[in-house]
């Protein structure tokens, strides 16, 4: 029995969603297509009905994962709880639950070293998302269009991604928490 176009589109969306989680959790190279398809509740043989190859899936999964983290940052900026938008983004991004959510966290922190060596198409997806993240940070600043605002946004994003990455690397739980705490404290002086 043939699937409807809506069912096919839903299956493709589910594969992309699962792949985004699996790539962030295991890494692009270590997450095999068979594992991704099994996690999506599908057989490996059905993959090629939806994608030309793994690189195409990586591109779409990366775009979906970046969209998710950008939406989360935007929601934080607009649901401030008495904080500035920048403070809210920093607190949300540097939260322990974000550090611990490797499969749902920021792909820049989880896949950065792989993305640096990725093909041009995947680097372009990551680059576009970085530019969008920088613009989101700049929108939270009083002088949004100045060179100083761009410089501050670049520093903030670099510190956010670096802090999450380092806090995931270290084996000492106290040091991991200290990395997040001290980065938040230092960024409070910048934002």
C-alpha atoms as a PDB file:
ATOM      1  CA  UNK A   1       0.000   0.000   0.000  1.00  0.00           C
ATOM      2  CA  UNK A   2       1.397   3.373  -1.052  1.00  0.00           C
ATOM      3  CA  UNK A   3       1.716   6.183   1.467  1.00  0.00           C
ATOM      4  CA  UNK A   4       0.019   9.503   0.877  1.00  0.00           C
ATOM      5  CA  UNK A   5       2.119  12.608   0.263  1.00  0.00           C
ATOM      6  CA  UNK A   6       1.222  13.812   3.765  1.00  0.00           C
ATOM      7  CA  UNK A   7       2.383  10.519   5.311  1.00  0.00           C
ATOM      8  CA  UNK A   8       5.603  10.619   3.298  1.00  0.00           C
ATOM      9  CA  UNK A   9       6.260  14.213   4.387  1.00  0.00           C
ATOM     10  CA  UNK A  10       5.595  13.286   8.021  1.00  0.00           C
ATOM     11  CA  UNK A  11       7.972  10.327   7.800  1.00  0.00           C
ATOM     12  CA  UNK A  12      10.666  12.560   6.291  1.00  0.00           C
ATOM     13  CA  UNK A  13      10.132  15.151   9.052  1.00  0.00           C
ATOM     14  CA  UNK A  14      10.435  12.404  11.702  1.00  0.00           C
ATOM     15  CA  UNK A  15      13.687  11.118  10.156  1.00  0.00           C
ATOM     16  CA  UNK A  16      15.140  14.654  10.175  1.00  0.00           C
ATOM     17  CA  UNK A  17      14.079  15.233  13.784  1.00  0.00           C
ATOM     18  CA  UNK A  18      15.560  11.924  14.949  1.00  0.00           C
ATOM     19  CA  UNK A  19      18.748  12.474  12.919  1.00  0.00           C
ATOM     20  CA  UNK A  20      19.211  15.922  14.473  1.00  0.00           C
ATOM     21  CA  UNK A  21      19.089  14.321  17.937  1.00  0.00           C
ATOM     22  CA  UNK A  22      21.295  11.357  16.990  1.00  0.00           C
ATOM     23  CA  UNK A  23      23.939  13.526  15.285  1.00  0.00           C
ATOM     24  CA  UNK A  24      24.148  15.833  18.322  1.00  0.00           C
ATOM     25  CA  UNK A  25      24.266  12.883  20.728  1.00  0.00           C
ATOM     26  CA  UNK A  26      26.772  10.670  18.901  1.00  0.00           C
ATOM     27  CA  UNK A  27      28.400  12.934  16.340  1.00  0.00           C
ATOM     28  CA  UNK A  28      27.777  13.050  12.615  1.00  0.00           C
ATOM     29  CA  UNK A  29      30.303  10.372  11.721  1.00  0.00           C
ATOM     30  CA  UNK A  30      29.407   7.967  14.532  1.00  0.00           C
ATOM     31  CA  UNK A  31      25.638   8.115  14.013  1.00  0.00           C
ATOM     32  CA  UNK A  32      24.981   5.543  11.332  1.00  0.00           C
ATOM     33  CA  UNK A  33      22.002   5.572   9.015  1.00  0.00           C
ATOM     34  CA  UNK A  34      20.792   2.231  10.370  1.00  0.00           C
ATOM     35  CA  UNK A  35      20.729   3.648  13.922  1.00  0.00           C
ATOM     36  CA  UNK A  36      18.966   6.834  12.803  1.00  0.00           C
ATOM     37  CA  UNK A  37      16.323   4.899  10.908  1.00  0.00           C
ATOM     38  CA  UNK A  38      15.814   2.442  13.779  1.00  0.00           C
ATOM     39  CA  UNK A  39      15.414   5.342  16.226  1.00  0.00           C
ATOM     40  CA  UNK A  40      12.778   6.754  13.847  1.00  0.00           C
ATOM     41  CA  UNK A  41      11.000   3.375  13.895  1.00  0.00           C
ATOM     42  CA  UNK A  42      11.889   2.614  10.284  1.00  0.00           C
ATOM     43  CA  UNK A  43      14.081   0.201   8.372  1.00  0.00           C
ATOM     44  CA  UNK A  44      17.398   1.200   6.878  1.00  0.00           C
ATOM     45  CA  UNK A  45      16.179   0.282   3.403  1.00  0.00           C
ATOM     46  CA  UNK A  46      13.583   3.050   3.441  1.00  0.00           C
ATOM     47  CA  UNK A  47      16.166   5.796   3.861  1.00  0.00           C
ATOM     48  CA  UNK A  48      16.834   6.290   0.155  1.00  0.00           C
ATOM     49  CA  UNK A  49      13.150   6.911  -0.569  1.00  0.00           C
ATOM     50  CA  UNK A  50      13.557  10.153   1.371  1.00  0.00           C
ATOM     51  CA  UNK A  51      17.197  11.246   0.887  1.00  0.00           C
ATOM     52  CA  UNK A  52      19.931  10.962  -1.737  1.00  0.00           C
ATOM     53  CA  UNK A  53      22.544  10.189   0.909  1.00  0.00           C
ATOM     54  CA  UNK A  54      23.721  10.859   4.443  1.00  0.00           C
ATOM     55  CA  UNK A  55      25.160  14.287   3.612  1.00  0.00           C
ATOM     56  CA  UNK A  56      21.724  15.527   2.500  1.00  0.00           C
ATOM     57  CA  UNK A  57      20.220  14.240   5.761  1.00  0.00           C
ATOM     58  CA  UNK A  58      23.009  15.928   7.731  1.00  0.00           C
ATOM     59  CA  UNK A  59      22.254  19.234   6.003  1.00  0.00           C
ATOM     60  CA  UNK A  60      18.539  19.087   6.780  1.00  0.00           C
ATOM     61  CA  UNK A  61      19.056  17.784  10.321  1.00  0.00           C
ATOM     62  CA  UNK A  62      21.608  20.517  11.033  1.00  0.00           C
ATOM     63  CA  UNK A  63      19.214  23.184   9.756  1.00  0.00           C
ATOM     64  CA  UNK A  64      16.429  21.792  11.961  1.00  0.00           C
ATOM     65  CA  UNK A  65      18.697  21.611  15.028  1.00  0.00           C
ATOM     66  CA  UNK A  66      19.930  25.173  14.506  1.00  0.00           C
ATOM     67  CA  UNK A  67      16.366  26.409  14.058  1.00  0.00           C
ATOM     68  CA  UNK A  68      15.459  24.783  17.361  1.00  0.00           C
ATOM     69  CA  UNK A  69      18.273  26.453  19.312  1.00  0.00           C
ATOM     70  CA  UNK A  70      17.545  29.829  17.710  1.00  0.00           C
ATOM     71  CA  UNK A  71      13.859  29.525  18.647  1.00  0.00           C
ATOM     72  CA  UNK A  72      14.857  28.658  22.216  1.00  0.00           C
ATOM     73  CA  UNK A  73      17.132  31.718  22.428  1.00  0.00           C
ATOM     74  CA  UNK A  74      14.446  33.962  20.920  1.00  0.00           C
ATOM     75  CA  UNK A  75      11.847  32.664  23.389  1.00  0.00           C
ATOM     76  CA  UNK A  76      14.260  33.325  26.264  1.00  0.00           C
ATOM     77  CA  UNK A  77      14.833  36.881  25.042  1.00  0.00           C
ATOM     78  CA  UNK A  78      11.113  37.563  24.924  1.00  0.00           C
ATOM     79  CA  UNK A  79      10.145  35.798  28.168  1.00  0.00           C
ATOM     80  CA  UNK A  80      12.611  37.771  30.232  1.00  0.00           C
ATOM     81  CA  UNK A  81      11.262  37.521  33.806  1.00  0.00           C
ATOM     82  CA  UNK A  82      12.586  41.002  34.593  1.00  0.00           C
ATOM     83  CA  UNK A  83      15.957  40.400  32.948  1.00  0.00           C
ATOM     84  CA  UNK A  84      17.338  41.944  29.810  1.00  0.00           C
ATOM     85  CA  UNK A  85      17.042  39.842  26.662  1.00  0.00           C
ATOM     86  CA  UNK A  86      20.780  39.178  26.701  1.00  0.00           C
ATOM     87  CA  UNK A  87      20.723  38.058  30.334  1.00  0.00           C
ATOM     88  CA  UNK A  88      17.841  35.710  29.601  1.00  0.00           C
ATOM     89  CA  UNK A  89      19.620  34.196  26.588  1.00  0.00           C
ATOM     90  CA  UNK A  90      22.847  33.729  28.577  1.00  0.00           C
ATOM     91  CA  UNK A  91      21.034  32.089  31.494  1.00  0.00           C
ATOM     92  CA  UNK A  92      19.059  29.777  29.224  1.00  0.00           C
ATOM     93  CA  UNK A  93      22.047  28.790  27.101  1.00  0.00           C
ATOM     94  CA  UNK A  94      24.403  28.251  30.052  1.00  0.00           C
ATOM     95  CA  UNK A  95      21.880  26.240  32.074  1.00  0.00           C
ATOM     96  CA  UNK A  96      22.838  22.841  33.444  1.00  0.00           C
ATOM     97  CA  UNK A  97      19.899  21.231  31.637  1.00  0.00           C
ATOM     98  CA  UNK A  98      21.280  22.557  28.318  1.00  0.00           C
ATOM     99  CA  UNK A  99      24.714  21.176  29.185  1.00  0.00           C
ATOM    100  CA  UNK A 100      23.174  17.792  29.968  1.00  0.00           C
ATOM    101  CA  UNK A 101      20.915  17.687  26.896  1.00  0.00           C
ATOM    102  CA  UNK A 102      23.497  16.580  24.354  1.00  0.00           C
ATOM    103  CA  UNK A 103      20.889  15.264  21.927  1.00  0.00           C
ATOM    104  CA  UNK A 104      18.716  18.384  22.105  1.00  0.00           C
ATOM    105  CA  UNK A 105      21.314  21.053  22.782  1.00  0.00           C
ATOM    106  CA  UNK A 106      23.080  23.496  20.534  1.00  0.00           C
ATOM    107  CA  UNK A 107      24.670  21.817  17.519  1.00  0.00           C
ATOM    108  CA  UNK A 108      27.464  24.398  17.512  1.00  0.00           C
ATOM    109  CA  UNK A 109      28.606  23.122  20.909  1.00  0.00           C
ATOM    110  CA  UNK A 110      27.899  19.477  20.152  1.00  0.00           C
ATOM    111  CA  UNK A 111      29.184  19.279  16.593  1.00  0.00           C
ATOM    112  CA  UNK A 112      31.506  22.253  16.231  1.00  0.00           C
ATOM    113  CA  UNK A 113      34.694  20.337  15.501  1.00  0.00           C
ATOM    114  CA  UNK A 114      32.917  18.144  12.941  1.00  0.00           C
ATOM    115  CA  UNK A 115      31.224  21.143  11.334  1.00  0.00           C
ATOM    116  CA  UNK A 116      34.588  22.859  10.939  1.00  0.00           C
ATOM    117  CA  UNK A 117      35.604  19.950   8.690  1.00  0.00           C
ATOM    118  CA  UNK A 118      32.211  19.451   7.033  1.00  0.00           C
ATOM    119  CA  UNK A 119      31.445  19.956   3.362  1.00  0.00           C
ATOM    120  CA  UNK A 120      30.666  23.425   2.034  1.00  0.00           C
ATOM    121  CA  UNK A 121      26.899  22.920   2.134  1.00  0.00           C
ATOM    122  CA  UNK A 122      26.837  21.965   5.817  1.00  0.00           C
ATOM    123  CA  UNK A 123      29.295  24.700   6.739  1.00  0.00           C
ATOM    124  CA  UNK A 124      27.021  27.164   4.891  1.00  0.00           C
ATOM    125  CA  UNK A 125      24.017  25.993   6.946  1.00  0.00           C
ATOM    126  CA  UNK A 126      26.014  26.407  10.164  1.00  0.00           C
ATOM    127  CA  UNK A 127      27.363  29.793   9.021  1.00  0.00           C
ATOM    128  CA  UNK A 128      23.881  31.093   8.244  1.00  0.00           C
ATOM    129  CA  UNK A 129      22.690  29.996  11.677  1.00  0.00           C
ATOM    130  CA  UNK A 130      25.658  31.681  13.354  1.00  0.00           C
ATOM    131  CA  UNK A 131      24.822  34.921  11.538  1.00  0.00           C
ATOM    132  CA  UNK A 132      21.186  34.623  12.672  1.00  0.00           C
ATOM    133  CA  UNK A 133      22.302  33.962  16.263  1.00  0.00           C
ATOM    134  CA  UNK A 134      24.584  37.016  16.156  1.00  0.00           C
ATOM    135  CA  UNK A 135      21.707  39.156  14.836  1.00  0.00           C
ATOM    136  CA  UNK A 136      19.445  37.866  17.610  1.00  0.00           C
ATOM    137  CA  UNK A 137      22.053  38.852  20.203  1.00  0.00           C
ATOM    138  CA  UNK A 138      22.522  42.267  18.569  1.00  0.00           C
ATOM    139  CA  UNK A 139      18.749  42.856  18.633  1.00  0.00           C
ATOM    140  CA  UNK A 140      18.963  42.735  22.417  1.00  0.00           C
ATOM    141  CA  UNK A 141      21.508  45.570  22.503  1.00  0.00           C
ATOM    142  CA  UNK A 142      20.673  49.284  22.684  1.00  0.00           C
ATOM    143  CA  UNK A 143      22.969  50.200  19.764  1.00  0.00           C
ATOM    144  CA  UNK A 144      22.091  47.314  17.478  1.00  0.00           C
ATOM    145  CA  UNK A 145      23.799  48.410  14.290  1.00  0.00           C
ATOM    146  CA  UNK A 146      27.154  49.552  15.568  1.00  0.00           C
ATOM    147  CA  UNK A 147      30.450  47.754  15.109  1.00  0.00           C
ATOM    148  CA  UNK A 148      30.653  47.561  18.902  1.00  0.00           C
ATOM    149  CA  UNK A 149      27.343  45.640  19.031  1.00  0.00           C
ATOM    150  CA  UNK A 150      28.585  43.164  16.434  1.00  0.00           C
ATOM    151  CA  UNK A 151      31.866  42.749  18.296  1.00  0.00           C
ATOM    152  CA  UNK A 152      30.009  42.131  21.557  1.00  0.00           C
ATOM    153  CA  UNK A 153      27.676  39.622  19.898  1.00  0.00           C
ATOM    154  CA  UNK A 154      30.616  37.686  18.428  1.00  0.00           C
ATOM    155  CA  UNK A 155      32.275  37.569  21.843  1.00  0.00           C
ATOM    156  CA  UNK A 156      29.043  36.501  23.574  1.00  0.00           C
ATOM    157  CA  UNK A 157      28.303  33.688  21.134  1.00  0.00           C
ATOM    158  CA  UNK A 158      31.895  32.464  21.276  1.00  0.00           C
ATOM    159  CA  UNK A 159      31.801  32.439  25.082  1.00  0.00           C
ATOM    160  CA  UNK A 160      28.424  30.658  25.171  1.00  0.00           C
ATOM    161  CA  UNK A 161      29.434  27.886  22.784  1.00  0.00           C
ATOM    162  CA  UNK A 162      32.857  27.525  24.387  1.00  0.00           C
ATOM    163  CA  UNK A 163      31.479  27.316  27.917  1.00  0.00           C
ATOM    164  CA  UNK A 164      28.940  24.620  27.050  1.00  0.00           C
ATOM    165  CA  UNK A 165      31.605  22.677  25.166  1.00  0.00           C
ATOM    166  CA  UNK A 166      34.144  22.848  28.005  1.00  0.00           C
ATOM    167  CA  UNK A 167      31.537  22.067  30.663  1.00  0.00           C
ATOM    168  CA  UNK A 168      30.663  18.897  28.743  1.00  0.00           C
ATOM    169  CA  UNK A 169      34.301  17.871  28.331  1.00  0.00           C
ATOM    170  CA  UNK A 170      35.526  18.045  31.915  1.00  0.00           C
ATOM    171  CA  UNK A 171      35.042  14.991  34.126  1.00  0.00           C
ATOM    172  CA  UNK A 172      34.870  16.934  37.401  1.00  0.00           C
ATOM    173  CA  UNK A 173      31.196  17.863  38.026  1.00  0.00           C
ATOM    174  CA  UNK A 174      32.176  20.813  40.234  1.00  0.00           C
ATOM    175  CA  UNK A 175      34.453  22.245  37.567  1.00  0.00           C
ATOM    176  CA  UNK A 176      31.722  21.764  34.961  1.00  0.00           C
ATOM    177  CA  UNK A 177      29.289  23.812  37.036  1.00  0.00           C
ATOM    178  CA  UNK A 178      31.986  26.396  37.771  1.00  0.00           C
ATOM    179  CA  UNK A 179      32.631  26.863  34.042  1.00  0.00           C
ATOM    180  CA  UNK A 180      28.957  27.677  33.474  1.00  0.00           C
ATOM    181  CA  UNK A 181      28.665  29.849  36.596  1.00  0.00           C
ATOM    182  CA  UNK A 182      31.818  31.878  35.956  1.00  0.00           C
ATOM    183  CA  UNK A 183      31.032  32.377  32.286  1.00  0.00           C
ATOM    184  CA  UNK A 184      27.570  33.703  33.258  1.00  0.00           C
ATOM    185  CA  UNK A 185      29.197  36.002  35.825  1.00  0.00           C
ATOM    186  CA  UNK A 186      31.744  37.356  33.340  1.00  0.00           C
ATOM    187  CA  UNK A 187      29.108  37.814  30.625  1.00  0.00           C
ATOM    188  CA  UNK A 188      26.931  39.794  33.028  1.00  0.00           C
ATOM    189  CA  UNK A 189      29.649  42.453  32.900  1.00  0.00           C
ATOM    190  CA  UNK A 190      29.620  42.417  29.093  1.00  0.00           C
ATOM    191  CA  UNK A 191      25.904  42.352  28.412  1.00  0.00           C
END
